[in-house]
Amino acid sequence: MIESVENMVFNGFDLAEEFTDDSDAYFIINDVRGRGVLSVENRIIRIPDMSGAYTTGTRSPVRYLDVDITMKGNSFEDLRKRIEKLSEILDTGQDSVPITFADEEDRTYYGKLDSVGDKTEKARIYQATLRFLCVDPYKYGPEQTVIIPNDIIVIENTGTIESDPIFELTAKERTTFAMISNGADEDSEYNLIGTPADDDVEVVDTKTSVLYENGSTIDTWTHTTEIRMVSHDVNIDGLNGEMGTDGAGIRIENRGPTTQKQNGPAVFKELPNAIQDFEIESTFDIISRRERENWRMMIYFLDENMNNIGHMGVKDNSRNYKRRVALSQLGQHNQEVSLIGDNSYIENNARDTTLFYLRFRREGKRFTVYIAHWRNQRHETIWEASYNDVDDRFQGRLKYITLFIGRFQDRVNPNRARINSVEVFELSQSTVDQTPYIIYPGDIITFDHKDDDILINGEP
């Protein structure tokens, strides 16, 4: 095995580790250009009969990084697959992503692929020059993380350009707002989320948890083989096996016999009381490294008469791609209202490990669903949909929750297909003289001045 001359980490992918293994295959970086002194562009005005010129402005142009690479495969076919994988990693769309090099680990560039100059592609060897465009020409040192001991703190910035701070607050108790300010007087600038409660206004909790499961009491759920408990989903023809826990969430304990379609265990829980306005919140944790893996993870919700109100979930329905598809419907499967469908997927940028946040809510006649791919503590890819049930088709009171984790036929199992937790809330409305809590213990509030965003638990 040949070690890299200079290793490169692109968008979190260590390229040497991705493409160098214990066989004869390897990936090395031969040379990197474009990291030298940053040039300057001066704008000037020339005046007739005047020597020289006036300078009207100065700016730094974009930066280009030229990276010479050599890749070797175990065979020509293996090399082609490695080149395809490299193309997937380098395709970031419109996004500039972090780039670091082994000989400059304390500096980060932000760029995206601009062009590729092929040099050699024969036998088992591929050589090329990858050009990356850095529209932000600067390179950045490591982030400073400071725990604020008191209400006021000064952080020194020793760089050459202004730096935008990111403030992260962790809630210790319920509150109706969170705020940071750069001063104590009335003219100070501040960031605010929520509403400070006046003295004569009642503070109320509009969300009451009625069910929480993280696997610790999954043995109290009831196994079901009734197809109506999974929305009469025609893609499922085997509700078998056993649901269990790995100590961190809900997973399949053992699988039942193989069927022609999706198969796996389903369990349901009856709520203590039927509720009208509700919210269901969950997090899915998936490690799926092989394209041929095919799986489905779903949450179904039913009313008192076991009519399907709706469902939400995530699946991989391709044997050729690592695909992550978000799903949500109202009513019976594929027969009533589709909220988020098969066109809502991550494919090119799907990582082996993917974390999803899912939320489904009914308030009055209005349904809303929110599913997000969670990465680097932020909701990176988001799907949202809403539906106004003016004909009262899906107004039955929520009574049952079903969890299903399955695979297609006898496909190999992903390393992890886990529902970390699922929680059901009963919702109530605040009145004009009430202020609702919006932040709960453990919630993380982020005031991000770099991206001009405010987030709660990664959600904008």
Protein backbone atom coordinates (compact mmCIF):
# COMPACT_ATOMS: atom_id res chain seq x y z
CA MET A 1 0.00 0.00 0.00
CA ILE A 2 1.32 3.46 -0.95
CA GLU A 3 0.81 6.25 1.53
CA SER A 4 -0.44 9.68 0.47
CA VAL A 5 2.13 12.39 -0.14
CA GLU A 6 -0.36 14.99 1.10
CA ASN A 7 -3.73 13.88 2.36
CA MET A 8 -6.89 15.91 1.75
CA VAL A 9 -10.20 15.95 3.60
CA PHE A 10 -13.06 17.16 1.40
CA ASN A 11 -16.45 17.87 2.99
CA GLY A 12 -15.64 15.48 5.83
CA PHE A 13 -14.39 12.69 3.52
CA ASP A 14 -10.79 11.60 4.11
CA LEU A 15 -9.98 10.77 0.48
CA ALA A 16 -6.96 8.59 1.29
CA GLU A 17 -9.03 6.49 3.69
CA GLU A 18 -11.94 6.28 1.26
CA PHE A 19 -9.88 4.89 -1.62
CA THR A 20 -6.80 3.22 -0.10
CA ASP A 21 -7.23 -0.27 1.33
CA ASP A 22 -5.24 -3.40 2.17
CA SER A 23 -5.22 -4.48 -1.45
CA ASP A 24 -3.13 -3.01 -4.25
CA ALA A 25 -5.47 0.00 -4.60
CA TYR A 26 -4.49 3.47 -3.40
CA PHE A 27 -5.20 7.20 -3.66
CA ILE A 28 -2.47 9.82 -3.37
CA ILE A 29 -2.20 13.57 -3.83
CA ASN A 30 0.88 14.46 -5.84
CA ASP A 31 0.75 18.24 -5.63
CA VAL A 32 -1.41 21.16 -4.47
CA ARG A 33 -1.22 24.65 -5.94
CA GLY A 34 -3.05 27.83 -5.06
CA ARG A 35 -2.37 28.06 -1.34
CA GLY A 36 0.27 30.77 -1.60
CA VAL A 37 0.10 34.52 -1.03
CA LEU A 38 -3.39 35.83 -1.73
CA SER A 39 -3.36 38.32 -4.60
CA VAL A 40 -5.09 41.71 -4.61
CA GLU A 41 -7.11 43.46 -7.31
CA ASN A 42 -6.85 47.27 -7.29
CA ARG A 43 -9.42 49.43 -9.03
CA ILE A 44 -7.90 52.62 -10.44
CA ILE A 45 -8.94 55.77 -12.31
CA ARG A 46 -6.53 57.35 -14.75
CA ILE A 47 -6.67 61.15 -15.12
CA PRO A 48 -5.50 62.80 -18.38
CA ASP A 49 -2.17 64.60 -18.08
CA MET A 50 -1.67 63.09 -14.61
CA SER A 51 1.12 60.71 -13.74
CA GLY A 52 -0.03 57.44 -12.27
CA ALA A 53 -3.65 56.98 -11.18
CA TYR A 54 -6.04 57.13 -8.24
CA THR A 55 -6.93 53.94 -6.35
CA THR A 56 -10.70 53.68 -5.95
CA GLY A 57 -10.89 50.33 -4.23
CA THR A 58 -9.16 47.08 -3.39
CA ARG A 59 -10.53 43.58 -3.15
CA SER A 60 -9.36 40.00 -2.92
CA PRO A 61 -10.26 37.84 -5.95
CA VAL A 62 -11.53 34.28 -5.79
CA ARG A 63 -9.01 31.54 -5.04
CA TYR A 64 -8.42 28.39 -7.13
CA LEU A 65 -6.90 25.24 -5.66
CA ASP A 66 -5.35 22.84 -8.19
CA VAL A 67 -4.92 19.32 -6.78
CA ASP A 68 -3.01 16.65 -8.73
CA ILE A 69 -4.19 13.13 -7.83
CA THR A 70 -3.27 9.54 -8.66
CA MET A 71 -5.70 6.68 -8.10
CA LYS A 72 -5.07 2.96 -8.59
CA GLY A 73 -7.68 0.21 -8.63
CA ASN A 74 -7.47 -3.56 -8.23
CA SER A 75 -8.77 -3.96 -11.78
CA PHE A 76 -10.02 -1.72 -14.56
CA GLU A 77 -13.62 -2.36 -13.43
CA ASP A 78 -12.68 -1.58 -9.81
CA LEU A 79 -10.98 1.64 -10.93
CA ARG A 80 -14.13 2.74 -12.78
CA LYS A 81 -16.20 2.25 -9.64
CA ARG A 82 -13.70 4.21 -7.56
CA ILE A 83 -13.82 7.09 -10.04
CA GLU A 84 -17.63 7.05 -9.88
CA LYS A 85 -17.49 7.17 -6.08
CA LEU A 86 -15.03 10.08 -6.18
CA SER A 87 -17.40 11.93 -8.54
CA GLU A 88 -20.25 11.46 -6.06
CA ILE A 89 -18.17 12.79 -3.17
CA LEU A 90 -16.99 15.84 -5.13
CA ASP A 91 -20.50 16.73 -6.36
CA THR A 92 -21.76 19.23 -3.77
CA GLY A 93 -24.09 21.17 -6.06
CA GLN A 94 -24.05 24.86 -5.28
CA ASP A 95 -22.50 24.41 -1.84
CA SER A 96 -18.95 25.35 -0.90
CA VAL A 97 -17.64 22.81 1.60
CA PRO A 98 -14.63 22.65 3.95
CA ILE A 99 -11.31 21.48 2.47
CA THR A 100 -8.21 20.72 4.55
CA PHE A 101 -4.75 19.34 3.77
CA ALA A 102 -2.47 17.20 5.94
CA ASP A 103 0.40 19.70 5.87
CA GLU A 104 -1.92 22.56 6.86
CA GLU A 105 -4.33 20.91 9.29
CA ASP A 106 -4.99 24.10 11.25
CA ARG A 107 -6.35 25.91 8.18
CA THR A 108 -9.62 25.32 6.34
CA TYR A 109 -10.58 26.44 2.82
CA TYR A 110 -14.18 26.54 1.57
CA GLY A 111 -14.69 25.57 -2.05
CA LYS A 112 -16.40 23.36 -4.62
CA LEU A 113 -15.28 21.45 -7.67
CA ASP A 114 -14.83 23.74 -10.70
CA SER A 115 -13.19 21.57 -13.36
CA VAL A 116 -11.29 18.31 -13.91
CA GLY A 117 -8.27 17.91 -16.18
CA ASP A 118 -7.73 14.23 -16.99
CA LYS A 119 -4.10 13.24 -17.57
CA THR A 120 -3.94 9.45 -17.57
CA GLU A 121 -6.56 6.72 -17.54
CA LYS A 122 -5.13 3.38 -18.57
CA ALA A 123 -4.56 -0.04 -17.07
CA ARG A 124 -5.43 0.46 -13.41
CA ILE A 125 -4.12 4.03 -13.05
CA TYR A 126 -6.06 7.29 -13.17
CA GLN A 127 -4.38 10.70 -12.90
CA ALA A 128 -6.07 14.09 -13.02
CA THR A 129 -5.94 17.67 -11.80
CA LEU A 130 -8.95 18.70 -9.75
CA ARG A 131 -9.60 22.44 -9.70
CA PHE A 132 -11.62 23.78 -6.77
CA LEU A 133 -13.19 27.25 -6.77
CA CYS A 134 -13.09 29.11 -3.46
CA VAL A 135 -15.42 32.09 -3.87
CA ASP A 136 -14.41 32.97 -0.32
CA PRO A 137 -10.64 33.34 -0.90
CA TYR A 138 -9.66 33.28 2.75
CA LYS A 139 -8.49 30.32 4.78
CA TYR A 140 -9.70 29.92 8.32
CA GLY A 141 -8.08 28.82 11.53
CA PRO A 142 -9.77 26.50 14.02
CA GLU A 143 -12.95 27.69 15.68
CA GLN A 144 -12.61 29.11 19.15
CA THR A 145 -15.00 27.56 21.63
CA VAL A 146 -15.54 29.59 24.80
CA ILE A 147 -17.83 28.73 27.68
CA ILE A 148 -19.36 31.95 28.94
CA PRO A 149 -18.95 32.03 32.75
CA ASN A 150 -20.96 35.21 33.30
CA ASP A 151 -23.33 37.48 31.42
CA ILE A 152 -20.52 39.42 29.70
CA ILE A 153 -17.44 38.07 27.90
CA VAL A 154 -14.84 39.41 25.43
CA ILE A 155 -13.46 37.06 22.75
CA GLU A 156 -10.31 38.16 20.96
CA ASN A 157 -10.17 37.64 17.19
CA THR A 158 -6.55 37.51 16.00
CA GLY A 159 -7.37 36.92 12.31
CA THR A 160 -7.11 39.37 9.42
CA ILE A 161 -10.85 39.67 8.66
CA GLU A 162 -14.02 40.01 10.72
CA SER A 163 -15.38 36.85 12.25
CA ASP A 164 -19.06 36.03 12.76
CA PRO A 165 -19.78 34.39 16.13
CA ILE A 166 -22.07 31.43 16.75
CA PHE A 167 -23.77 31.38 20.15
CA GLU A 168 -25.12 28.08 21.46
CA LEU A 169 -27.40 27.97 24.50
CA THR A 170 -28.62 24.83 26.26
CA ALA A 171 -31.90 25.23 28.13
CA LYS A 172 -31.98 24.12 31.76
CA GLU A 173 -35.70 24.77 32.22
CA ARG A 174 -38.79 25.77 30.25
CA THR A 175 -38.90 29.29 28.90
CA THR A 176 -40.92 31.45 26.52
CA PHE A 177 -37.87 33.12 24.91
CA ALA A 178 -34.09 33.24 24.54
CA MET A 179 -32.03 36.35 23.84
CA ILE A 180 -28.43 37.51 23.49
CA SER A 181 -27.35 41.17 23.39
CA ASN A 182 -24.15 43.11 22.82
CA GLY A 183 -24.95 45.61 25.56
CA ALA A 184 -27.27 46.53 28.38
CA ASP A 185 -28.75 49.81 27.14
CA GLU A 186 -31.84 50.35 24.99
CA ASP A 187 -29.82 50.93 21.81
CA SER A 188 -27.99 47.59 22.05
CA GLU A 189 -28.36 45.11 19.21
CA TYR A 190 -29.86 41.77 20.16
CA ASN A 191 -31.11 38.41 18.86
CA LEU A 192 -34.44 37.18 20.20
CA ILE A 193 -36.51 34.06 19.71
CA GLY A 194 -39.92 33.71 21.32
CA THR A 195 -41.79 36.23 23.46
CA PRO A 196 -40.81 37.51 26.91
CA ALA A 197 -43.84 37.16 29.18
CA ASP A 198 -45.28 40.30 30.76
CA ASP A 199 -46.10 40.27 34.46
CA ASP A 200 -49.86 40.27 33.83
CA VAL A 201 -49.74 37.45 31.24
CA GLU A 202 -50.14 33.79 32.15
CA VAL A 203 -47.38 31.45 30.94
CA VAL A 204 -48.81 28.17 29.62
CA ASP A 205 -47.55 24.88 28.22
CA THR A 206 -49.23 24.15 24.88
CA LYS A 207 -47.54 20.72 24.54
CA THR A 208 -48.17 17.83 26.96
CA SER A 209 -46.28 14.58 26.46
CA VAL A 210 -48.63 11.57 26.51
CA LEU A 211 -46.26 8.88 25.19
CA TYR A 212 -42.49 8.52 25.07
CA GLU A 213 -40.53 5.48 23.93
CA ASN A 214 -36.79 5.07 23.46
CA GLY A 215 -36.68 1.28 23.55
CA SER A 216 -36.57 0.93 27.32
CA THR A 217 -40.22 -0.22 27.50
CA ILE A 218 -40.66 -1.57 23.97
CA ASP A 219 -41.64 -4.93 25.49
CA THR A 220 -44.91 -3.30 26.62
CA TRP A 221 -45.92 -2.63 22.99
CA THR A 222 -48.13 -5.17 21.21
CA HIS A 223 -46.88 -7.12 18.20
CA THR A 224 -49.32 -7.04 15.31
CA THR A 225 -49.84 -8.97 12.06
CA GLU A 226 -52.84 -6.86 10.98
CA ILE A 227 -52.16 -4.94 7.79
CA ARG A 228 -54.59 -2.18 8.82
CA MET A 229 -52.15 -1.20 11.59
CA VAL A 230 -49.66 -0.23 8.85
CA SER A 231 -52.11 1.71 6.69
CA HIS A 232 -52.94 -1.26 4.45
CA ASP A 233 -49.54 -0.66 2.83
CA VAL A 234 -49.44 -2.84 -0.31
CA ASN A 235 -45.62 -2.83 -0.17
CA ILE A 236 -45.71 -4.89 3.06
CA ASP A 237 -46.71 -8.57 2.92
CA GLY A 238 -45.09 -9.89 6.09
CA LEU A 239 -45.45 -8.49 9.62
CA ASN A 240 -43.19 -10.90 11.43
CA GLY A 241 -40.14 -11.02 13.64
CA GLU A 242 -39.57 -9.29 16.96
CA MET A 243 -38.89 -5.68 17.89
CA GLY A 244 -36.34 -4.97 20.62
CA THR A 245 -33.73 -2.47 21.76
CA ASP A 246 -29.96 -2.01 21.67
CA GLY A 247 -29.99 0.31 24.67
CA ALA A 248 -29.96 3.43 22.50
CA GLY A 249 -33.27 3.03 20.69
CA ILE A 250 -35.73 0.66 19.00
CA ARG A 251 -34.32 -1.99 16.66
CA ILE A 252 -35.24 -5.38 15.23
CA GLU A 253 -34.44 -8.17 17.70
CA ASN A 254 -34.89 -10.91 15.09
CA ARG A 255 -36.45 -11.21 11.67
CA GLY A 256 -39.19 -13.53 10.54
CA PRO A 257 -39.37 -15.49 7.27
CA THR A 258 -38.62 -13.85 3.92
CA THR A 259 -41.60 -12.71 1.83
CA GLN A 260 -42.03 -11.33 -1.69
CA LYS A 261 -42.24 -7.68 -0.56
CA GLN A 262 -41.34 -5.71 2.56
CA ASN A 263 -41.22 -7.76 5.74
CA GLY A 264 -40.38 -7.07 9.35
CA PRO A 265 -41.88 -6.63 12.82
CA ALA A 266 -44.57 -4.07 13.68
CA VAL A 267 -45.64 -3.09 17.19
CA PHE A 268 -48.35 -0.71 18.35
CA LYS A 269 -49.25 1.18 21.50
CA GLU A 270 -52.62 2.50 22.64
CA LEU A 271 -52.59 6.01 24.11
CA PRO A 272 -54.13 6.47 27.59
CA ASN A 273 -56.74 8.81 26.09
CA ALA A 274 -57.74 9.68 22.53
CA ILE A 275 -56.56 13.19 21.58
CA GLN A 276 -57.63 15.65 18.91
CA ASP A 277 -54.74 18.06 18.33
CA PHE A 278 -51.42 16.25 18.46
CA GLU A 279 -47.76 16.22 17.49
CA ILE A 280 -45.57 13.16 16.90
CA GLU A 281 -41.80 13.60 17.01
CA SER A 282 -39.09 11.04 16.23
CA THR A 283 -35.45 10.56 15.27
CA PHE A 284 -34.21 7.79 12.93
CA ASP A 285 -30.57 6.67 13.02
CA ILE A 286 -29.36 4.75 9.97
CA ILE A 287 -26.03 3.20 8.95
CA SER A 288 -26.40 1.71 5.48
CA ARG A 289 -23.13 1.29 3.56
CA ARG A 290 -24.09 -0.97 0.65
CA GLU A 291 -26.14 0.02 -2.36
CA ARG A 292 -28.01 -3.30 -2.42
CA GLU A 293 -29.50 -2.75 1.02
CA ASN A 294 -33.23 -2.00 0.91
CA TRP A 295 -35.19 -1.03 4.02
CA ARG A 296 -38.21 0.87 5.30
CA MET A 297 -38.78 2.58 8.71
CA MET A 298 -42.27 3.93 9.41
CA ILE A 299 -44.55 5.40 12.07
CA TYR A 300 -48.30 5.00 11.53
CA PHE A 301 -51.07 6.70 13.53
CA LEU A 302 -54.69 5.58 13.83
CA ASP A 303 -57.89 6.89 15.41
CA GLU A 304 -60.23 5.27 17.95
CA ASN A 305 -61.87 3.13 15.25
CA MET A 306 -58.48 2.06 13.88
CA ASN A 307 -58.88 4.18 10.78
CA ASN A 308 -55.55 5.42 9.42
CA ILE A 309 -54.96 9.11 10.10
CA GLY A 310 -51.58 9.08 8.39
CA HIS A 311 -47.94 8.00 8.50
CA MET A 312 -44.36 9.25 8.11
CA GLY A 313 -41.04 7.55 7.59
CA VAL A 314 -37.88 7.00 5.57
CA LYS A 315 -36.92 4.24 3.13
CA ASP A 316 -34.23 3.07 0.71
CA ASN A 317 -35.97 1.56 -2.31
CA SER A 318 -33.03 1.09 -4.68
CA ARG A 319 -30.56 -1.76 -5.07
CA ASN A 320 -28.25 0.47 -7.15
CA TYR A 321 -27.93 3.58 -4.98
CA LYS A 322 -27.61 4.54 -1.34
CA ARG A 323 -30.89 6.40 -1.43
CA ARG A 324 -32.74 8.02 1.49
CA VAL A 325 -36.41 8.73 0.67
CA ALA A 326 -38.70 10.72 2.99
CA LEU A 327 -42.38 9.69 3.08
CA SER A 328 -45.64 10.96 4.54
CA GLN A 329 -49.31 10.44 3.65
CA LEU A 330 -52.77 11.01 5.09
CA GLY A 331 -55.31 8.20 5.24
CA GLN A 332 -54.85 4.78 3.71
CA HIS A 333 -51.59 4.11 1.88
CA ASN A 334 -51.49 5.40 -1.72
CA GLN A 335 -55.26 6.00 -1.79
CA GLU A 336 -55.82 9.40 -0.23
CA VAL A 337 -53.45 12.37 0.33
CA SER A 338 -49.70 12.23 -0.38
CA LEU A 339 -47.74 14.87 1.55
CA ILE A 340 -44.11 13.84 0.89
CA GLY A 341 -43.49 11.26 -1.82
CA ASP A 342 -40.89 9.25 -3.71
CA ASN A 343 -39.32 12.31 -5.34
CA SER A 344 -38.08 13.53 -1.94
CA TYR A 345 -34.78 11.71 -1.65
CA ILE A 346 -31.07 12.10 -1.02
CA GLU A 347 -28.93 10.08 -3.39
CA ASN A 348 -25.67 11.63 -4.55
CA ASN A 349 -24.85 13.07 -1.13
CA ALA A 350 -26.28 10.22 0.94
CA ARG A 351 -23.74 9.21 3.52
CA ASP A 352 -23.40 5.78 5.07
CA THR A 353 -24.57 7.26 8.37
CA THR A 354 -27.71 9.38 8.14
CA LEU A 355 -29.78 10.85 10.94
CA PHE A 356 -33.36 12.00 10.33
CA TYR A 357 -35.71 14.15 12.39
CA LEU A 358 -39.44 13.64 11.76
CA ARG A 359 -42.44 15.62 13.02
CA PHE A 360 -46.14 15.27 12.20
CA ARG A 361 -48.75 17.66 13.60
CA ARG A 362 -52.50 18.19 13.48
CA GLU A 363 -53.94 21.45 14.79
CA GLY A 364 -57.63 21.86 14.04
CA LYS A 365 -58.11 21.03 10.39
CA ARG A 366 -54.49 21.73 9.44
CA PHE A 367 -51.89 18.97 9.07
CA THR A 368 -48.17 19.74 8.76
CA VAL A 369 -45.26 17.36 8.31
CA TYR A 370 -41.56 18.15 8.60
CA ILE A 371 -38.76 15.68 7.81
CA ALA A 372 -35.11 16.71 7.85
CA HIS A 373 -31.75 15.10 7.21
CA TRP A 374 -29.75 15.99 10.31
CA ARG A 375 -26.03 16.60 9.79
CA ASN A 376 -23.41 18.47 11.81
CA GLN A 377 -26.11 19.41 14.34
CA ARG A 378 -28.16 21.12 11.62
CA HIS A 379 -31.10 20.18 9.48
CA GLU A 380 -29.33 20.04 6.13
CA THR A 381 -32.01 18.74 3.73
CA ILE A 382 -35.61 19.60 4.65
CA TRP A 383 -38.97 18.41 3.30
CA GLU A 384 -42.14 20.15 4.45
CA ALA A 385 -45.80 19.83 3.47
CA SER A 386 -49.21 20.86 4.78
CA TYR A 387 -52.85 20.00 4.15
CA ASN A 388 -56.08 21.71 5.21
CA ASP A 389 -58.71 19.05 5.94
CA VAL A 390 -61.75 21.17 5.03
CA ASP A 391 -63.91 18.07 4.44
CA ASP A 392 -63.10 16.54 7.84
CA ARG A 393 -61.76 13.35 6.26
CA PHE A 394 -59.02 12.75 8.82
CA GLN A 395 -60.42 14.21 12.04
CA GLY A 396 -60.71 11.03 14.11
CA ARG A 397 -59.08 11.35 17.52
CA LEU A 398 -55.58 9.85 17.76
CA LYS A 399 -55.51 6.60 19.75
CA TYR A 400 -52.90 4.17 18.34
CA ILE A 401 -49.24 4.45 17.25
CA THR A 402 -47.55 1.73 15.15
CA LEU A 403 -43.80 1.31 14.56
CA PHE A 404 -42.48 -0.75 11.64
CA ILE A 405 -38.91 -1.58 10.55
CA GLY A 406 -38.58 -3.80 7.49
CA ARG A 407 -36.55 -4.85 4.48
CA PHE A 408 -37.39 -5.94 0.93
CA GLN A 409 -37.44 -9.73 0.41
CA ASP A 410 -34.12 -11.16 1.65
CA ARG A 411 -31.92 -8.10 1.15
CA VAL A 412 -28.96 -7.78 3.48
CA ASN A 413 -29.62 -5.80 6.62
CA PRO A 414 -28.17 -2.33 7.12
CA ASN A 415 -25.67 -2.04 9.96
CA ARG A 416 -28.19 0.08 11.83
CA ALA A 417 -31.86 0.84 11.29
CA ARG A 418 -32.93 2.33 14.60
CA ILE A 419 -35.73 4.54 15.84
CA ASN A 420 -33.91 6.46 18.55
CA SER A 421 -37.15 7.64 20.15
CA VAL A 422 -40.75 8.53 19.43
CA GLU A 423 -42.85 10.97 21.46
CA VAL A 424 -46.51 11.96 21.20
CA PHE A 425 -47.77 15.33 22.48
CA GLU A 426 -51.27 16.60 23.05
CA LEU A 427 -51.54 20.19 21.81
CA SER A 428 -53.60 23.04 23.20
CA GLN A 429 -54.02 26.64 22.08
CA SER A 430 -52.88 29.70 24.04
CA THR A 431 -55.22 32.66 24.35
CA VAL A 432 -54.46 36.36 23.84
CA ASP A 433 -53.51 36.82 27.48
CA GLN A 434 -51.20 33.78 27.58
CA THR A 435 -47.60 33.26 26.46
CA PRO A 436 -46.60 29.71 25.47
CA TYR A 437 -43.37 27.95 26.31
CA ILE A 438 -41.29 27.36 23.18
CA ILE A 439 -38.08 25.99 24.74
CA TYR A 440 -37.80 22.92 26.97
CA PRO A 441 -34.99 21.42 29.12
CA GLY A 442 -32.22 20.01 26.94
CA ASP A 443 -33.15 22.09 23.86
CA ILE A 444 -30.17 23.69 22.11
CA ILE A 445 -30.71 27.21 20.76
CA THR A 446 -28.18 28.47 18.20
CA PHE A 447 -27.73 32.12 17.18
CA ASP A 448 -25.61 31.70 14.04
CA HIS A 449 -24.25 35.02 12.75
CA LYS A 450 -22.17 33.26 10.10
CA ASP A 451 -25.22 31.92 8.23
CA ASP A 452 -27.69 34.53 9.61
CA ASP A 453 -29.88 31.86 11.17
CA ILE A 454 -31.51 30.96 14.48
CA LEU A 455 -32.06 27.28 15.24
CA ILE A 456 -33.67 25.12 17.89
CA ASN A 457 -32.15 21.63 17.96
CA GLY A 458 -30.77 22.15 14.46
CA GLU A 459 -34.08 23.31 12.94
CA PRO A 460 -34.19 26.80 11.36
